[in-house]
């Protein structure tokens, strides 16, 4: 999550993503094996953001909360589809949280 020094209480309605994109090495067909990674980018619905969210780290805090909400929602499917749902940091940056999913073998994965 975003370090607490950057966050302040604010109202934020969590809604399903407006779009989901496959990004990164998988879509470019340059993925290294034996472990296949698929990167997805989720678009936060525009009505969940405010015009001045770029000020005072509000956008970053909302993005972090959105990633946490996605992880929480996916954990309810953890036993069926994933062996693990966890949070991480993109390149170790605490302002760029990511959700890491480990699919079950034979679950229609890659």
N, C-alpha and C. Protein backbone atom coordinates (compact mmCIF):
# COMPACT_ATOMS: atom_id res chain seq x y z
N UNK A 1 0.84 -1.19 0.00
CA UNK A 1 0.00 0.00 0.00
C UNK A 1 0.88 1.25 0.00
N UNK A 2 0.27 2.34 -0.30
CA UNK A 2 0.97 3.62 -0.30
C UNK A 2 1.34 3.97 1.13
N UNK A 3 2.57 4.43 1.37
CA UNK A 3 2.95 4.81 2.74
C UNK A 3 1.95 5.79 3.34
N UNK A 4 1.65 5.64 4.61
CA UNK A 4 0.60 6.44 5.26
C UNK A 4 0.88 7.93 5.23
N UNK A 5 2.14 8.35 5.11
CA UNK A 5 2.42 9.78 5.09
C UNK A 5 1.85 10.45 3.83
N UNK A 6 1.50 9.65 2.79
CA UNK A 6 0.95 10.21 1.56
C UNK A 6 -0.58 10.15 1.52
N UNK A 7 -1.18 9.45 2.43
CA UNK A 7 -2.62 9.25 2.35
C UNK A 7 -3.36 10.04 3.42
N UNK A 8 -4.54 10.48 3.06
CA UNK A 8 -5.45 11.13 3.99
C UNK A 8 -6.82 10.53 3.74
N UNK A 9 -7.69 10.52 4.73
CA UNK A 9 -9.01 9.95 4.51
C UNK A 9 -9.74 10.69 3.38
N UNK A 10 -10.35 9.95 2.50
CA UNK A 10 -11.13 10.53 1.42
C UNK A 10 -12.16 9.52 0.96
N UNK A 11 -13.20 10.00 0.30
CA UNK A 11 -14.25 9.14 -0.20
C UNK A 11 -13.83 8.56 -1.55
N UNK A 12 -14.02 7.27 -1.69
CA UNK A 12 -13.64 6.61 -2.93
C UNK A 12 -14.54 5.40 -3.12
N UNK A 13 -15.34 5.42 -4.17
CA UNK A 13 -16.23 4.30 -4.46
C UNK A 13 -15.51 3.33 -5.38
N UNK A 14 -15.40 2.10 -4.94
CA UNK A 14 -14.74 1.07 -5.73
C UNK A 14 -15.76 0.48 -6.69
N UNK A 15 -15.46 0.54 -7.98
CA UNK A 15 -16.32 -0.02 -9.02
C UNK A 15 -15.48 -0.96 -9.87
N UNK A 16 -16.13 -1.85 -10.64
CA UNK A 16 -15.36 -2.72 -11.53
C UNK A 16 -14.55 -1.88 -12.53
N UNK A 17 -13.43 -2.41 -12.99
CA UNK A 17 -12.62 -1.65 -13.95
C UNK A 17 -13.41 -1.36 -15.22
N UNK A 18 -13.16 -0.19 -15.82
CA UNK A 18 -13.85 0.15 -17.05
C UNK A 18 -13.25 -0.60 -18.24
N UNK A 19 -11.98 -0.95 -18.14
CA UNK A 19 -11.31 -1.75 -19.18
C UNK A 19 -10.19 -2.55 -18.55
N UNK A 20 -9.88 -3.67 -19.19
CA UNK A 20 -8.75 -4.50 -18.78
C UNK A 20 -7.91 -4.73 -20.03
N UNK A 21 -6.63 -4.43 -19.92
CA UNK A 21 -5.71 -4.58 -21.05
C UNK A 21 -4.65 -5.63 -20.73
N UNK A 22 -4.30 -6.44 -21.72
CA UNK A 22 -3.13 -7.31 -21.60
C UNK A 22 -1.95 -6.48 -22.08
N UNK A 23 -0.93 -6.36 -21.24
CA UNK A 23 0.23 -5.52 -21.56
C UNK A 23 1.51 -6.32 -21.32
N UNK A 24 2.61 -5.77 -21.70
CA UNK A 24 3.90 -6.38 -21.37
C UNK A 24 4.39 -7.42 -22.35
N UNK A 25 5.31 -8.25 -21.88
CA UNK A 25 6.02 -9.18 -22.76
C UNK A 25 5.13 -10.27 -23.34
N UNK A 26 4.08 -10.67 -22.64
CA UNK A 26 3.22 -11.75 -23.14
C UNK A 26 2.52 -11.32 -24.42
N UNK A 27 1.93 -10.14 -24.43
CA UNK A 27 1.20 -9.68 -25.60
C UNK A 27 2.15 -9.42 -26.77
N UNK A 28 3.40 -9.08 -26.47
CA UNK A 28 4.40 -8.86 -27.52
C UNK A 28 5.04 -10.16 -28.00
N UNK A 29 4.68 -11.27 -27.35
CA UNK A 29 5.19 -12.60 -27.67
C UNK A 29 6.71 -12.71 -27.47
N UNK A 30 7.20 -12.05 -26.46
CA UNK A 30 8.62 -12.14 -26.13
C UNK A 30 8.82 -12.62 -24.69
N UNK A 31 7.83 -13.32 -24.16
CA UNK A 31 7.89 -13.80 -22.79
C UNK A 31 8.96 -14.89 -22.67
N UNK A 32 9.71 -14.84 -21.57
CA UNK A 32 10.74 -15.84 -21.30
C UNK A 32 10.12 -17.02 -20.57
N UNK A 33 10.49 -18.20 -20.94
CA UNK A 33 9.97 -19.40 -20.31
C UNK A 33 11.01 -19.91 -19.33
N UNK A 34 10.77 -20.78 -18.40
CA UNK A 34 9.63 -21.66 -18.26
C UNK A 34 8.45 -21.04 -17.52
N UNK A 35 8.65 -19.96 -16.80
CA UNK A 35 7.55 -19.33 -16.07
C UNK A 35 6.94 -18.25 -16.96
N UNK A 36 5.65 -18.37 -17.22
CA UNK A 36 4.97 -17.40 -18.06
C UNK A 36 4.26 -16.37 -17.19
N UNK A 37 4.52 -15.11 -17.46
CA UNK A 37 3.84 -14.02 -16.77
C UNK A 37 2.94 -13.31 -17.75
N UNK A 38 1.76 -12.93 -17.29
CA UNK A 38 0.85 -12.11 -18.09
C UNK A 38 0.54 -10.87 -17.28
N UNK A 39 0.87 -9.72 -17.83
CA UNK A 39 0.62 -8.45 -17.14
C UNK A 39 -0.71 -7.88 -17.63
N UNK A 40 -1.55 -7.50 -16.69
CA UNK A 40 -2.83 -6.88 -17.00
C UNK A 40 -2.85 -5.47 -16.42
N UNK A 41 -3.38 -4.54 -17.16
CA UNK A 41 -3.59 -3.18 -16.67
C UNK A 41 -5.08 -2.96 -16.55
N UNK A 42 -5.51 -2.54 -15.36
CA UNK A 42 -6.93 -2.26 -15.12
C UNK A 42 -7.14 -0.76 -15.15
N UNK A 43 -8.20 -0.33 -15.83
CA UNK A 43 -8.51 1.09 -15.91
C UNK A 43 -9.56 1.42 -14.84
N UNK A 44 -9.19 2.31 -13.94
CA UNK A 44 -10.14 2.75 -12.91
C UNK A 44 -11.21 3.58 -13.59
N UNK A 45 -12.49 3.33 -13.31
CA UNK A 45 -13.56 4.11 -13.94
C UNK A 45 -13.38 5.60 -13.68
N UNK A 46 -13.60 6.41 -14.71
CA UNK A 46 -13.37 7.85 -14.60
C UNK A 46 -14.26 8.50 -13.54
N UNK A 47 -15.46 7.95 -13.32
CA UNK A 47 -16.32 8.56 -12.30
C UNK A 47 -15.87 8.22 -10.88
N UNK A 48 -14.85 7.40 -10.74
CA UNK A 48 -14.28 7.12 -9.42
C UNK A 48 -13.16 8.10 -9.07
N UNK A 49 -12.75 8.87 -10.06
CA UNK A 49 -11.66 9.83 -9.85
C UNK A 49 -12.19 11.25 -9.94
N UNK A 50 -11.50 12.15 -9.26
CA UNK A 50 -11.88 13.56 -9.31
C UNK A 50 -10.80 14.33 -10.06
N UNK A 51 -11.17 15.49 -10.59
CA UNK A 51 -10.26 16.27 -11.42
C UNK A 51 -8.95 16.62 -10.72
N UNK A 52 -8.99 16.88 -9.43
CA UNK A 52 -7.78 17.32 -8.72
C UNK A 52 -7.12 16.20 -7.92
N UNK A 53 -7.37 14.96 -8.28
CA UNK A 53 -6.74 13.84 -7.57
C UNK A 53 -5.24 13.78 -7.79
N UNK A 54 -4.73 14.48 -8.75
CA UNK A 54 -3.29 14.50 -8.97
C UNK A 54 -2.57 15.28 -7.88
N UNK A 55 -3.30 16.07 -7.12
CA UNK A 55 -2.71 16.86 -6.04
C UNK A 55 -2.54 16.02 -4.78
N UNK A 56 -1.49 16.26 -4.04
CA UNK A 56 -1.27 15.67 -2.72
C UNK A 56 -1.36 14.15 -2.69
N UNK A 57 -0.93 13.50 -3.74
CA UNK A 57 -0.85 12.04 -3.81
C UNK A 57 -2.21 11.34 -3.74
N UNK A 58 -3.30 12.05 -3.95
CA UNK A 58 -4.62 11.41 -3.86
C UNK A 58 -4.78 10.32 -4.91
N UNK A 59 -4.33 10.59 -6.15
CA UNK A 59 -4.46 9.57 -7.19
C UNK A 59 -3.68 8.32 -6.81
N UNK A 60 -2.47 8.50 -6.29
CA UNK A 60 -1.66 7.34 -5.90
C UNK A 60 -2.33 6.56 -4.78
N UNK A 61 -2.93 7.26 -3.84
CA UNK A 61 -3.63 6.59 -2.75
C UNK A 61 -4.84 5.84 -3.27
N UNK A 62 -5.57 6.44 -4.20
CA UNK A 62 -6.74 5.77 -4.78
C UNK A 62 -6.31 4.55 -5.60
N UNK A 63 -5.24 4.70 -6.35
CA UNK A 63 -4.75 3.57 -7.15
C UNK A 63 -4.35 2.42 -6.23
N UNK A 64 -3.69 2.73 -5.13
CA UNK A 64 -3.29 1.69 -4.17
C UNK A 64 -4.52 1.03 -3.55
N UNK A 65 -5.50 1.81 -3.18
CA UNK A 65 -6.73 1.25 -2.59
C UNK A 65 -7.47 0.39 -3.61
N UNK A 66 -7.47 0.82 -4.86
CA UNK A 66 -8.12 0.06 -5.92
C UNK A 66 -7.43 -1.30 -6.09
N UNK A 67 -6.10 -1.30 -6.09
CA UNK A 67 -5.36 -2.56 -6.21
C UNK A 67 -5.67 -3.48 -5.03
N UNK A 68 -5.76 -2.92 -3.84
CA UNK A 68 -6.10 -3.71 -2.65
C UNK A 68 -7.51 -4.30 -2.78
N UNK A 69 -8.46 -3.51 -3.30
CA UNK A 69 -9.83 -3.99 -3.46
C UNK A 69 -9.89 -5.12 -4.50
N UNK A 70 -9.12 -4.99 -5.57
CA UNK A 70 -9.06 -6.05 -6.58
C UNK A 70 -8.50 -7.33 -5.95
N UNK A 71 -7.43 -7.20 -5.17
CA UNK A 71 -6.85 -8.37 -4.50
C UNK A 71 -7.86 -9.02 -3.55
N UNK A 72 -8.57 -8.20 -2.79
CA UNK A 72 -9.59 -8.73 -1.87
C UNK A 72 -10.68 -9.47 -2.62
N UNK A 73 -11.13 -8.92 -3.74
CA UNK A 73 -12.18 -9.57 -4.53
C UNK A 73 -11.68 -10.88 -5.12
N UNK A 74 -10.45 -10.90 -5.59
CA UNK A 74 -9.90 -12.12 -6.19
C UNK A 74 -9.61 -13.20 -5.15
N UNK A 75 -9.37 -12.80 -3.92
CA UNK A 75 -9.12 -13.80 -2.86
C UNK A 75 -10.33 -14.68 -2.63
N UNK A 76 -11.52 -14.18 -2.94
CA UNK A 76 -12.71 -15.01 -2.76
C UNK A 76 -12.73 -16.15 -3.79
N UNK A 77 -11.94 -16.05 -4.85
CA UNK A 77 -11.83 -17.10 -5.86
C UNK A 77 -10.51 -17.86 -5.74
N UNK A 78 -9.75 -17.55 -4.70
CA UNK A 78 -8.41 -18.09 -4.56
C UNK A 78 -8.37 -19.61 -4.62
N UNK A 79 -9.26 -20.28 -3.90
CA UNK A 79 -9.19 -21.73 -3.84
C UNK A 79 -9.61 -22.38 -5.14
N UNK A 80 -10.42 -21.70 -5.96
CA UNK A 80 -10.88 -22.28 -7.22
C UNK A 80 -9.90 -22.03 -8.37
N UNK A 81 -9.37 -20.81 -8.46
CA UNK A 81 -8.58 -20.43 -9.63
C UNK A 81 -7.11 -20.18 -9.34
N UNK A 82 -6.81 -19.75 -8.12
CA UNK A 82 -5.44 -19.33 -7.81
C UNK A 82 -4.92 -20.08 -6.59
N UNK A 83 -3.63 -20.35 -6.59
CA UNK A 83 -3.03 -20.92 -5.39
C UNK A 83 -2.64 -19.81 -4.43
N UNK A 84 -2.49 -18.57 -4.97
CA UNK A 84 -2.10 -17.46 -4.11
C UNK A 84 -2.51 -16.13 -4.75
N UNK A 85 -3.01 -15.22 -3.92
CA UNK A 85 -3.30 -13.83 -4.30
C UNK A 85 -2.56 -12.97 -3.30
N UNK A 86 -1.66 -12.12 -3.79
CA UNK A 86 -0.88 -11.29 -2.87
C UNK A 86 -0.63 -9.91 -3.48
N UNK A 87 -0.15 -9.01 -2.65
CA UNK A 87 0.20 -7.67 -3.09
C UNK A 87 1.72 -7.58 -3.20
N UNK A 88 2.17 -6.79 -4.16
CA UNK A 88 3.59 -6.54 -4.34
C UNK A 88 3.81 -5.10 -4.75
N UNK A 89 5.03 -4.79 -5.09
CA UNK A 89 5.39 -3.43 -5.52
C UNK A 89 6.10 -3.51 -6.86
N UNK A 90 5.68 -2.71 -7.81
CA UNK A 90 6.33 -2.68 -9.11
C UNK A 90 7.72 -2.11 -8.96
N UNK A 91 8.71 -2.93 -9.26
CA UNK A 91 10.12 -2.56 -9.14
C UNK A 91 10.46 -2.02 -7.75
N UNK A 92 9.77 -2.51 -6.72
CA UNK A 92 10.04 -2.12 -5.35
C UNK A 92 9.51 -0.75 -4.95
N UNK A 93 8.76 -0.09 -5.83
CA UNK A 93 8.26 1.25 -5.55
C UNK A 93 6.98 1.18 -4.71
N UNK A 94 6.98 1.71 -3.48
CA UNK A 94 5.79 1.62 -2.63
C UNK A 94 4.61 2.42 -3.18
N UNK A 95 4.84 3.32 -4.12
CA UNK A 95 3.75 4.10 -4.71
C UNK A 95 3.14 3.40 -5.92
N UNK A 96 3.65 2.20 -6.26
CA UNK A 96 3.13 1.46 -7.41
C UNK A 96 2.80 0.01 -6.99
N UNK A 97 1.70 -0.16 -6.24
CA UNK A 97 1.33 -1.50 -5.81
C UNK A 97 0.79 -2.34 -6.98
N UNK A 98 1.02 -3.64 -6.90
CA UNK A 98 0.52 -4.57 -7.90
C UNK A 98 -0.13 -5.76 -7.20
N UNK A 99 -1.01 -6.44 -7.91
CA UNK A 99 -1.64 -7.66 -7.42
C UNK A 99 -0.95 -8.82 -8.14
N UNK A 100 -0.50 -9.80 -7.39
CA UNK A 100 0.20 -10.95 -7.95
C UNK A 100 -0.70 -12.18 -7.78
N UNK A 101 -1.02 -12.82 -8.90
CA UNK A 101 -1.87 -14.01 -8.89
C UNK A 101 -1.04 -15.20 -9.33
N UNK A 102 -1.13 -16.29 -8.59
CA UNK A 102 -0.47 -17.53 -8.97
C UNK A 102 -1.57 -18.50 -9.34
N UNK A 103 -1.72 -18.81 -10.66
CA UNK A 103 -2.82 -19.70 -11.08
C UNK A 103 -2.56 -21.14 -10.68
N UNK A 104 -3.66 -21.88 -10.50
CA UNK A 104 -3.53 -23.31 -10.26
C UNK A 104 -3.12 -23.99 -11.54
N UNK A 105 -2.36 -25.04 -11.42
CA UNK A 105 -1.98 -25.84 -12.58
C UNK A 105 -3.24 -26.46 -13.17
N UNK A 106 -3.38 -26.41 -14.49
CA UNK A 106 -4.53 -27.01 -15.14
C UNK A 106 -5.82 -26.23 -15.00
N UNK A 107 -5.73 -24.95 -14.62
CA UNK A 107 -6.94 -24.13 -14.44
C UNK A 107 -7.26 -23.32 -15.69
N UNK A 108 -6.78 -23.80 -16.85
CA UNK A 108 -6.99 -23.06 -18.08
C UNK A 108 -5.97 -21.97 -18.24
N UNK A 109 -4.92 -22.03 -17.41
CA UNK A 109 -3.87 -21.02 -17.47
C UNK A 109 -2.98 -21.22 -18.67
N UNK A 110 -1.86 -20.59 -18.64
CA UNK A 110 -0.96 -20.61 -19.78
C UNK A 110 -0.11 -21.82 -19.70
